[in-house]
Amino acid sequence: MKINLPDVDTLSDYYKSYLKYISEDDLMEALIQQKEITTEFLKSIPIEKGSFRYAEGKWMLKEVIGHLSDTERILSYRALRFSRNDSTALSGFDENTYVPNSNHAQLSLKEISEEKTALTALTILLFKNMNKDMPDRIGAANNLQVSVRAILFFIIAHERHHLKVIMEKYL
């Protein structure tokens, strides 16, 4: 099923700041392609770069990849809830609390990369198995109204943003 981009007017200002990362008009196809691109990219990173930080106080590369998984997992959960018409408001999350409290620094780059690949495969199935109405369902997260479609948009754009940062500052 094709899932079009969300209407820009329905996006929060934060989500709008990520519009530059999406040029496709089919988010499902973009997610499928992004999984392959990210999987191959992560395989190409030298093992010794896993613990690299480009500046003091910045996350190590393994933590950035772990952050991608944490964020995708949380956003997918929101998409699941909202696609099922769950109207319970969901809280936000603080990435700066999650990362230091994760185990990503102790895991290998390979382990973290495998988790990311497996997680995205599940995200693809979640969205692929939705009917035509589900992407337009809306819920509240972090005190904002957001559609399932907008969540899918952000999953892709957020990953592309961080891959760009990895290429520019870590490699």
N, C-alpha and C. Protein backbone atom coordinates (compact mmCIF):
# COMPACT_ATOMS: atom_id res chain seq x y z
N MET A 1 0.83 -1.18 0.00
CA MET A 1 0.00 0.00 0.00
C MET A 1 0.88 1.25 0.00
N LYS A 2 0.55 2.17 -0.84
CA LYS A 2 1.25 3.44 -0.89
C LYS A 2 0.75 4.33 0.25
N ILE A 3 1.69 4.97 0.94
CA ILE A 3 1.34 5.95 1.97
C ILE A 3 2.00 7.26 1.56
N ASN A 4 1.16 8.22 1.22
CA ASN A 4 1.66 9.53 0.79
C ASN A 4 2.21 10.33 1.96
N LEU A 5 2.94 11.38 1.62
CA LEU A 5 3.44 12.31 2.62
C LEU A 5 2.27 12.96 3.35
N PRO A 6 2.47 13.34 4.61
CA PRO A 6 1.42 14.06 5.31
C PRO A 6 1.31 15.48 4.76
N ASP A 7 0.14 16.08 4.91
CA ASP A 7 -0.05 17.48 4.57
C ASP A 7 0.84 18.30 5.50
N VAL A 8 1.63 19.18 4.94
CA VAL A 8 2.58 19.98 5.72
C VAL A 8 1.87 20.75 6.83
N ASP A 9 0.67 21.21 6.58
CA ASP A 9 -0.07 21.98 7.58
C ASP A 9 -0.45 21.16 8.81
N THR A 10 -0.38 19.84 8.71
CA THR A 10 -0.72 18.98 9.84
C THR A 10 0.49 18.64 10.70
N LEU A 11 1.67 19.04 10.26
CA LEU A 11 2.90 18.70 10.98
C LEU A 11 3.24 19.75 12.03
N SER A 12 3.80 19.30 13.15
CA SER A 12 4.31 20.23 14.16
C SER A 12 5.51 20.96 13.57
N ASP A 13 5.87 22.06 14.18
CA ASP A 13 7.04 22.80 13.71
C ASP A 13 8.29 21.94 13.77
N TYR A 14 8.40 21.10 14.79
CA TYR A 14 9.54 20.20 14.91
C TYR A 14 9.60 19.23 13.73
N TYR A 15 8.48 18.60 13.41
CA TYR A 15 8.44 17.68 12.27
C TYR A 15 8.72 18.42 10.96
N LYS A 16 8.21 19.64 10.83
CA LYS A 16 8.45 20.43 9.61
C LYS A 16 9.94 20.66 9.38
N SER A 17 10.71 20.76 10.46
CA SER A 17 12.16 20.99 10.30
C SER A 17 12.86 19.81 9.64
N TYR A 18 12.18 18.67 9.53
CA TYR A 18 12.75 17.47 8.92
C TYR A 18 12.27 17.26 7.47
N LEU A 19 11.48 18.17 6.95
CA LEU A 19 10.94 18.01 5.59
C LEU A 19 12.04 17.89 4.54
N LYS A 20 13.17 18.52 4.77
CA LYS A 20 14.27 18.50 3.80
C LYS A 20 14.84 17.10 3.58
N TYR A 21 14.52 16.16 4.46
CA TYR A 21 15.07 14.81 4.34
C TYR A 21 14.20 13.86 3.52
N ILE A 22 13.04 14.30 3.10
CA ILE A 22 12.13 13.42 2.35
C ILE A 22 11.80 14.06 1.01
N SER A 23 12.11 13.36 -0.07
CA SER A 23 11.75 13.83 -1.41
C SER A 23 10.74 12.90 -2.08
N GLU A 24 10.62 11.68 -1.57
CA GLU A 24 9.70 10.71 -2.15
C GLU A 24 8.25 11.06 -1.80
N ASP A 25 7.33 10.57 -2.62
CA ASP A 25 5.92 10.77 -2.31
C ASP A 25 5.27 9.50 -1.74
N ASP A 26 6.00 8.40 -1.70
CA ASP A 26 5.48 7.15 -1.14
C ASP A 26 6.35 6.77 0.06
N LEU A 27 5.79 6.98 1.25
CA LEU A 27 6.55 6.72 2.47
C LEU A 27 6.86 5.25 2.69
N MET A 28 5.97 4.38 2.25
CA MET A 28 6.23 2.93 2.40
C MET A 28 7.44 2.53 1.58
N GLU A 29 7.46 2.95 0.35
CA GLU A 29 8.61 2.62 -0.51
C GLU A 29 9.89 3.25 0.05
N ALA A 30 9.77 4.46 0.56
CA ALA A 30 10.93 5.13 1.16
C ALA A 30 11.45 4.35 2.36
N LEU A 31 10.56 3.84 3.20
CA LEU A 31 10.97 3.06 4.38
C LEU A 31 11.65 1.76 3.97
N ILE A 32 11.11 1.09 2.98
CA ILE A 32 11.70 -0.16 2.50
C ILE A 32 13.10 0.09 1.95
N GLN A 33 13.23 1.13 1.14
CA GLN A 33 14.55 1.46 0.57
C GLN A 33 15.51 1.91 1.66
N GLN A 34 14.99 2.69 2.62
CA GLN A 34 15.85 3.18 3.69
C GLN A 34 16.41 2.03 4.53
N LYS A 35 15.62 1.00 4.74
CA LYS A 35 16.11 -0.16 5.49
C LYS A 35 17.33 -0.76 4.80
N GLU A 36 17.25 -0.92 3.49
CA GLU A 36 18.38 -1.50 2.75
C GLU A 36 19.60 -0.58 2.78
N ILE A 37 19.36 0.70 2.59
CA ILE A 37 20.47 1.68 2.61
C ILE A 37 21.15 1.68 3.97
N THR A 38 20.35 1.75 5.02
CA THR A 38 20.91 1.80 6.37
C THR A 38 21.63 0.51 6.72
N THR A 39 21.06 -0.62 6.39
CA THR A 39 21.69 -1.91 6.68
C THR A 39 23.07 -1.98 6.03
N GLU A 40 23.15 -1.64 4.76
CA GLU A 40 24.44 -1.69 4.06
C GLU A 40 25.42 -0.65 4.61
N PHE A 41 24.90 0.52 4.91
CA PHE A 41 25.75 1.58 5.47
C PHE A 41 26.35 1.13 6.80
N LEU A 42 25.53 0.58 7.68
CA LEU A 42 26.02 0.15 8.99
C LEU A 42 27.05 -0.97 8.87
N LYS A 43 26.86 -1.86 7.90
CA LYS A 43 27.84 -2.93 7.67
C LYS A 43 29.18 -2.37 7.21
N SER A 44 29.17 -1.22 6.56
CA SER A 44 30.40 -0.64 6.01
C SER A 44 31.23 0.13 7.05
N ILE A 45 30.68 0.38 8.20
CA ILE A 45 31.39 1.17 9.21
C ILE A 45 32.45 0.30 9.88
N PRO A 46 33.68 0.77 9.91
CA PRO A 46 34.74 0.00 10.57
C PRO A 46 34.42 -0.20 12.06
N ILE A 47 34.65 -1.39 12.55
CA ILE A 47 34.34 -1.76 13.93
C ILE A 47 34.94 -0.77 14.93
N GLU A 48 36.16 -0.33 14.67
CA GLU A 48 36.85 0.56 15.61
C GLU A 48 36.19 1.93 15.74
N LYS A 49 35.32 2.28 14.81
CA LYS A 49 34.60 3.56 14.87
C LYS A 49 33.43 3.52 15.85
N GLY A 50 33.02 2.33 16.29
CA GLY A 50 31.85 2.18 17.14
C GLY A 50 31.86 3.01 18.40
N SER A 51 33.04 3.15 19.03
CA SER A 51 33.14 3.89 20.29
C SER A 51 33.60 5.34 20.09
N PHE A 52 33.71 5.75 18.84
CA PHE A 52 34.18 7.11 18.53
C PHE A 52 33.14 8.16 18.90
N ARG A 53 33.61 9.24 19.49
CA ARG A 53 32.81 10.44 19.76
C ARG A 53 33.51 11.58 19.02
N TYR A 54 32.78 12.38 18.29
CA TYR A 54 33.44 13.44 17.53
C TYR A 54 33.77 14.67 18.37
N ALA A 55 33.24 14.73 19.58
CA ALA A 55 33.57 15.81 20.52
C ALA A 55 33.24 15.34 21.93
N GLU A 56 33.86 15.98 22.91
CA GLU A 56 33.59 15.63 24.30
C GLU A 56 32.11 15.87 24.61
N GLY A 57 31.51 14.90 25.29
CA GLY A 57 30.12 15.03 25.67
C GLY A 57 29.12 14.57 24.61
N LYS A 58 29.61 14.25 23.42
CA LYS A 58 28.73 13.76 22.35
C LYS A 58 28.60 12.25 22.49
N TRP A 59 27.52 11.74 21.93
CA TRP A 59 27.30 10.29 21.96
C TRP A 59 28.34 9.57 21.12
N MET A 60 28.71 8.37 21.53
CA MET A 60 29.56 7.56 20.67
C MET A 60 28.71 7.03 19.52
N LEU A 61 29.34 6.64 18.45
CA LEU A 61 28.63 6.19 17.25
C LEU A 61 27.64 5.08 17.57
N LYS A 62 28.03 4.11 18.39
CA LYS A 62 27.12 3.03 18.77
C LYS A 62 25.87 3.58 19.45
N GLU A 63 26.03 4.63 20.22
CA GLU A 63 24.88 5.23 20.91
C GLU A 63 23.95 5.95 19.94
N VAL A 64 24.49 6.54 18.91
CA VAL A 64 23.65 7.19 17.89
C VAL A 64 22.78 6.14 17.20
N ILE A 65 23.38 5.02 16.84
CA ILE A 65 22.62 3.95 16.18
C ILE A 65 21.59 3.37 17.15
N GLY A 66 21.98 3.21 18.40
CA GLY A 66 21.03 2.75 19.40
C GLY A 66 19.88 3.73 19.58
N HIS A 67 20.19 5.01 19.51
CA HIS A 67 19.16 6.05 19.59
C HIS A 67 18.17 5.92 18.43
N LEU A 68 18.66 5.59 17.26
CA LEU A 68 17.76 5.37 16.12
C LEU A 68 16.78 4.24 16.41
N SER A 69 17.27 3.16 16.99
CA SER A 69 16.39 2.04 17.35
C SER A 69 15.40 2.43 18.43
N ASP A 70 15.88 3.10 19.47
CA ASP A 70 14.97 3.52 20.54
C ASP A 70 13.85 4.39 19.99
N THR A 71 14.22 5.36 19.18
CA THR A 71 13.23 6.29 18.63
C THR A 71 12.26 5.58 17.72
N GLU A 72 12.76 4.74 16.83
CA GLU A 72 11.87 4.00 15.91
C GLU A 72 10.92 3.10 16.69
N ARG A 73 11.41 2.48 17.73
CA ARG A 73 10.57 1.59 18.54
C ARG A 73 9.45 2.38 19.22
N ILE A 74 9.77 3.52 19.78
CA ILE A 74 8.76 4.37 20.44
C ILE A 74 7.76 4.91 19.42
N LEU A 75 8.25 5.38 18.29
CA LEU A 75 7.35 5.93 17.27
C LEU A 75 6.46 4.84 16.68
N SER A 76 6.99 3.66 16.48
CA SER A 76 6.18 2.54 15.97
C SER A 76 5.08 2.18 16.96
N TYR A 77 5.42 2.21 18.23
CA TYR A 77 4.42 1.94 19.27
C TYR A 77 3.30 2.98 19.20
N ARG A 78 3.68 4.24 19.04
CA ARG A 78 2.67 5.29 18.90
C ARG A 78 1.80 5.03 17.67
N ALA A 79 2.43 4.68 16.56
CA ALA A 79 1.68 4.41 15.33
C ALA A 79 0.71 3.25 15.52
N LEU A 80 1.15 2.20 16.21
CA LEU A 80 0.29 1.07 16.50
C LEU A 80 -0.92 1.52 17.31
N ARG A 81 -0.68 2.23 18.37
CA ARG A 81 -1.77 2.68 19.24
C ARG A 81 -2.75 3.56 18.48
N PHE A 82 -2.24 4.53 17.76
CA PHE A 82 -3.12 5.47 17.06
C PHE A 82 -3.85 4.80 15.91
N SER A 83 -3.19 3.88 15.22
CA SER A 83 -3.84 3.18 14.10
C SER A 83 -4.99 2.31 14.59
N ARG A 84 -4.97 1.94 15.85
CA ARG A 84 -6.03 1.13 16.44
C ARG A 84 -7.09 1.99 17.15
N ASN A 85 -7.04 3.31 16.89
CA ASN A 85 -7.97 4.28 17.48
C ASN A 85 -7.87 4.37 19.00
N ASP A 86 -6.70 4.14 19.52
CA ASP A 86 -6.47 4.31 20.95
C ASP A 86 -6.32 5.81 21.22
N SER A 87 -7.20 6.38 21.98
CA SER A 87 -7.21 7.83 22.22
C SER A 87 -6.45 8.23 23.48
N THR A 88 -5.76 7.28 24.10
CA THR A 88 -4.98 7.61 25.29
C THR A 88 -3.80 8.49 24.91
N ALA A 89 -3.68 9.62 25.58
CA ALA A 89 -2.55 10.52 25.31
C ALA A 89 -1.25 9.85 25.78
N LEU A 90 -0.24 9.93 24.96
CA LEU A 90 1.06 9.33 25.27
C LEU A 90 2.07 10.42 25.61
N SER A 91 2.94 10.11 26.54
CA SER A 91 3.95 11.09 26.94
C SER A 91 5.08 11.13 25.92
N GLY A 92 5.90 12.15 26.03
CA GLY A 92 7.10 12.24 25.22
C GLY A 92 8.20 11.39 25.85
N PHE A 93 9.39 11.50 25.31
CA PHE A 93 10.53 10.80 25.90
C PHE A 93 11.76 11.68 25.74
N ASP A 94 12.71 11.52 26.63
CA ASP A 94 13.92 12.33 26.62
C ASP A 94 15.08 11.47 26.16
N GLU A 95 15.50 11.72 24.93
CA GLU A 95 16.61 10.95 24.35
C GLU A 95 17.88 11.09 25.18
N ASN A 96 18.05 12.22 25.83
CA ASN A 96 19.26 12.43 26.63
C ASN A 96 19.23 11.67 27.96
N THR A 97 18.09 11.11 28.31
CA THR A 97 18.00 10.19 29.44
C THR A 97 18.14 8.75 28.94
N TYR A 98 17.54 8.48 27.79
CA TYR A 98 17.57 7.11 27.24
C TYR A 98 18.99 6.65 26.92
N VAL A 99 19.74 7.48 26.22
CA VAL A 99 21.05 7.04 25.73
C VAL A 99 22.00 6.65 26.85
N PRO A 100 22.21 7.48 27.87
CA PRO A 100 23.15 7.05 28.91
C PRO A 100 22.63 5.89 29.76
N ASN A 101 21.34 5.65 29.72
CA ASN A 101 20.76 4.54 30.48
C ASN A 101 20.54 3.29 29.64
N SER A 102 21.02 3.32 28.41
CA SER A 102 20.96 2.14 27.54
C SER A 102 22.23 1.32 27.76
N ASN A 103 22.30 0.21 27.08
CA ASN A 103 23.48 -0.64 27.13
C ASN A 103 24.28 -0.55 25.83
N HIS A 104 23.98 0.44 25.02
CA HIS A 104 24.59 0.51 23.69
C HIS A 104 26.11 0.63 23.73
N ALA A 105 26.65 1.34 24.70
CA ALA A 105 28.10 1.51 24.77
C ALA A 105 28.81 0.17 25.00
N GLN A 106 28.12 -0.78 25.63
CA GLN A 106 28.74 -2.07 25.93
C GLN A 106 28.53 -3.12 24.83
N LEU A 107 27.61 -2.85 23.93
CA LEU A 107 27.33 -3.79 22.84
C LEU A 107 28.28 -3.54 21.68
N SER A 108 28.38 -4.53 20.81
CA SER A 108 29.21 -4.35 19.61
C SER A 108 28.42 -3.59 18.56
N LEU A 109 29.13 -2.98 17.67
CA LEU A 109 28.50 -2.29 16.55
C LEU A 109 27.64 -3.26 15.75
N LYS A 110 28.11 -4.49 15.61
CA LYS A 110 27.35 -5.51 14.88
C LYS A 110 26.03 -5.82 15.58
N GLU A 111 26.05 -5.98 16.89
CA GLU A 111 24.82 -6.27 17.64
C GLU A 111 23.80 -5.14 17.52
N ILE A 112 24.27 -3.92 17.64
CA ILE A 112 23.38 -2.77 17.55
C ILE A 112 22.81 -2.63 16.14
N SER A 113 23.65 -2.88 15.15
CA SER A 113 23.21 -2.81 13.75
C SER A 113 22.19 -3.89 13.42
N GLU A 114 22.41 -5.09 13.93
CA GLU A 114 21.45 -6.19 13.71
C GLU A 114 20.09 -5.86 14.32
N GLU A 115 20.12 -5.28 15.52
CA GLU A 115 18.85 -4.89 16.16
C GLU A 115 18.12 -3.85 15.32
N LYS A 116 18.86 -2.88 14.81
CA LYS A 116 18.25 -1.82 14.00
C LYS A 116 17.61 -2.41 12.75
N THR A 117 18.29 -3.31 12.09
CA THR A 117 17.77 -3.95 10.87
C THR A 117 16.51 -4.75 11.18
N ALA A 118 16.55 -5.53 12.24
CA ALA A 118 15.38 -6.33 12.62
C ALA A 118 14.20 -5.45 13.00
N LEU A 119 14.47 -4.40 13.73
CA LEU A 119 13.42 -3.49 14.15
C LEU A 119 12.74 -2.84 12.94
N THR A 120 13.52 -2.40 11.97
CA THR A 120 12.93 -1.76 10.79
C THR A 120 12.11 -2.76 9.98
N ALA A 121 12.53 -4.01 9.95
CA ALA A 121 11.72 -5.02 9.27
C ALA A 121 10.34 -5.12 9.92
N LEU A 122 10.29 -5.05 11.23
CA LEU A 122 9.01 -5.08 11.94
C LEU A 122 8.20 -3.81 11.70
N THR A 123 8.88 -2.68 11.63
CA THR A 123 8.20 -1.41 11.36
C THR A 123 7.56 -1.46 9.98
N ILE A 124 8.26 -2.01 9.02
CA ILE A 124 7.71 -2.15 7.66
C ILE A 124 6.44 -2.99 7.70
N LEU A 125 6.47 -4.10 8.40
CA LEU A 125 5.29 -4.96 8.48
C LEU A 125 4.13 -4.26 9.18
N LEU A 126 4.41 -3.51 10.22
CA LEU A 126 3.36 -2.77 10.92
C LEU A 126 2.61 -1.86 9.94
N PHE A 127 3.35 -1.07 9.20
CA PHE A 127 2.72 -0.12 8.28
C PHE A 127 2.16 -0.81 7.04
N LYS A 128 2.84 -1.82 6.56
CA LYS A 128 2.38 -2.55 5.37
C LYS A 128 1.02 -3.20 5.59
N ASN A 129 0.78 -3.64 6.81
CA ASN A 129 -0.46 -4.36 7.12
C ASN A 129 -1.61 -3.46 7.56
N MET A 130 -1.42 -2.16 7.46
CA MET A 130 -2.50 -1.23 7.78
C MET A 130 -3.46 -1.12 6.60
N ASN A 131 -4.71 -0.82 6.90
CA ASN A 131 -5.66 -0.55 5.82
C ASN A 131 -5.55 0.91 5.40
N LYS A 132 -6.30 1.31 4.41
CA LYS A 132 -6.15 2.66 3.82
C LYS A 132 -6.53 3.79 4.77
N ASP A 133 -7.32 3.50 5.81
CA ASP A 133 -7.76 4.53 6.75
C ASP A 133 -6.79 4.77 7.90
N MET A 134 -6.04 3.77 8.24
CA MET A 134 -5.19 3.84 9.44
C MET A 134 -4.12 4.94 9.40
N PRO A 135 -3.47 5.21 8.27
CA PRO A 135 -2.45 6.28 8.30
C PRO A 135 -2.98 7.66 8.67
N ASP A 136 -4.28 7.87 8.49
CA ASP A 136 -4.86 9.18 8.80
C ASP A 136 -5.43 9.28 10.21
N ARG A 137 -5.35 8.22 10.95
CA ARG A 137 -5.82 8.27 12.33
C ARG A 137 -4.85 9.11 13.17
N ILE A 138 -5.40 9.77 14.14
CA ILE A 138 -4.63 10.75 14.92
C ILE A 138 -4.68 10.40 16.40
N GLY A 139 -3.58 10.68 17.05
CA GLY A 139 -3.49 10.52 18.49
C GLY A 139 -2.69 11.65 19.08
N ALA A 140 -2.60 11.65 20.38
CA ALA A 140 -1.84 12.68 21.10
C ALA A 140 -0.57 12.07 21.68
N ALA A 141 0.53 12.69 21.37
CA ALA A 141 1.82 12.27 21.93
C ALA A 141 2.63 13.52 22.24
N ASN A 142 3.21 13.55 23.40
CA ASN A 142 4.03 14.69 23.79
C ASN A 142 3.24 15.99 23.71
N ASN A 143 1.97 15.94 24.07
CA ASN A 143 1.06 17.08 24.08
C ASN A 143 0.78 17.66 22.70
N LEU A 144 0.95 16.86 21.66
CA LEU A 144 0.68 17.29 20.29
C LEU A 144 -0.19 16.25 19.59
N GLN A 145 -1.01 16.70 18.68
CA GLN A 145 -1.79 15.80 17.84
C GLN A 145 -0.90 15.37 16.67
N VAL A 146 -0.89 14.08 16.39
CA VAL A 146 -0.04 13.58 15.30
C VAL A 146 -0.74 12.40 14.63
N SER A 147 -0.61 12.35 13.32
CA SER A 147 -1.21 11.25 12.56
C SER A 147 -0.21 10.10 12.44
N VAL A 148 -0.75 8.94 12.17
CA VAL A 148 0.09 7.77 11.92
C VAL A 148 0.99 8.05 10.71
N ARG A 149 0.44 8.71 9.70
CA ARG A 149 1.21 9.07 8.50
C ARG A 149 2.40 9.96 8.86
N ALA A 150 2.16 10.94 9.74
CA ALA A 150 3.23 11.85 10.16
C ALA A 150 4.30 11.10 10.94
N ILE A 151 3.88 10.11 11.72
CA ILE A 151 4.85 9.30 12.46
C ILE A 151 5.76 8.54 11.50
N LEU A 152 5.18 7.94 10.47
CA LEU A 152 5.99 7.24 9.48
C LEU A 152 6.97 8.19 8.81
N PHE A 153 6.48 9.37 8.44
CA PHE A 153 7.34 10.40 7.86
C PHE A 153 8.53 10.66 8.78
N PHE A 154 8.25 10.84 10.07
CA PHE A 154 9.32 11.20 10.99
C PHE A 154 10.29 10.05 11.23
N ILE A 155 9.81 8.83 11.24
CA ILE A 155 10.72 7.68 11.40
C ILE A 155 11.79 7.73 10.30
N ILE A 156 11.37 7.96 9.09
CA ILE A 156 12.31 8.00 7.95
C ILE A 156 13.21 9.22 8.02
N ALA A 157 12.61 10.39 8.20
CA ALA A 157 13.38 11.64 8.20
C ALA A 157 14.38 11.69 9.35
N HIS A 158 13.97 11.24 10.51
CA HIS A 158 14.86 11.23 11.68
C HIS A 158 16.08 10.35 11.41
N GLU A 159 15.85 9.19 10.82
CA GLU A 159 16.97 8.29 10.52
C GLU A 159 17.90 8.94 9.50
N ARG A 160 17.36 9.54 8.48
CA ARG A 160 18.20 10.19 7.46
C ARG A 160 19.01 11.33 8.06
N HIS A 161 18.41 12.07 8.96
CA HIS A 161 19.13 13.15 9.64
C HIS A 161 20.35 12.59 10.36
N HIS A 162 20.15 11.52 11.15
CA HIS A 162 21.26 10.98 11.92
C HIS A 162 22.30 10.28 11.04
N LEU A 163 21.89 9.67 9.95
CA LEU A 163 22.88 9.07 9.04
C LEU A 163 23.76 10.16 8.43
N LYS A 164 23.17 11.30 8.15
CA LYS A 164 23.94 12.44 7.63
C LYS A 164 24.95 12.91 8.67
N VAL A 165 24.52 12.99 9.92
CA VAL A 165 25.43 13.38 11.00
C VAL A 165 26.56 12.37 11.13
N ILE A 166 26.23 11.08 11.06
CA ILE A 166 27.27 10.04 11.14
C ILE A 166 28.28 10.21 10.02
N MET A 167 27.81 10.40 8.80
CA MET A 167 28.74 10.55 7.67
C MET A 167 29.62 11.79 7.81
N GLU A 168 29.04 12.87 8.29
CA GLU A 168 29.78 14.14 8.37
C GLU A 168 30.69 14.25 9.58
N LYS A 169 30.30 13.65 10.71
CA LYS A 169 31.05 13.91 11.93
C LYS A 169 31.74 12.68 12.54
N TYR A 170 31.30 11.49 12.16
CA TYR A 170 31.86 10.29 12.77
C TYR A 170 32.81 9.52 11.84
N LEU A 171 32.62 9.67 10.54
CA LEU A 171 33.44 8.87 9.61
C LEU A 171 34.44 9.73 8.85
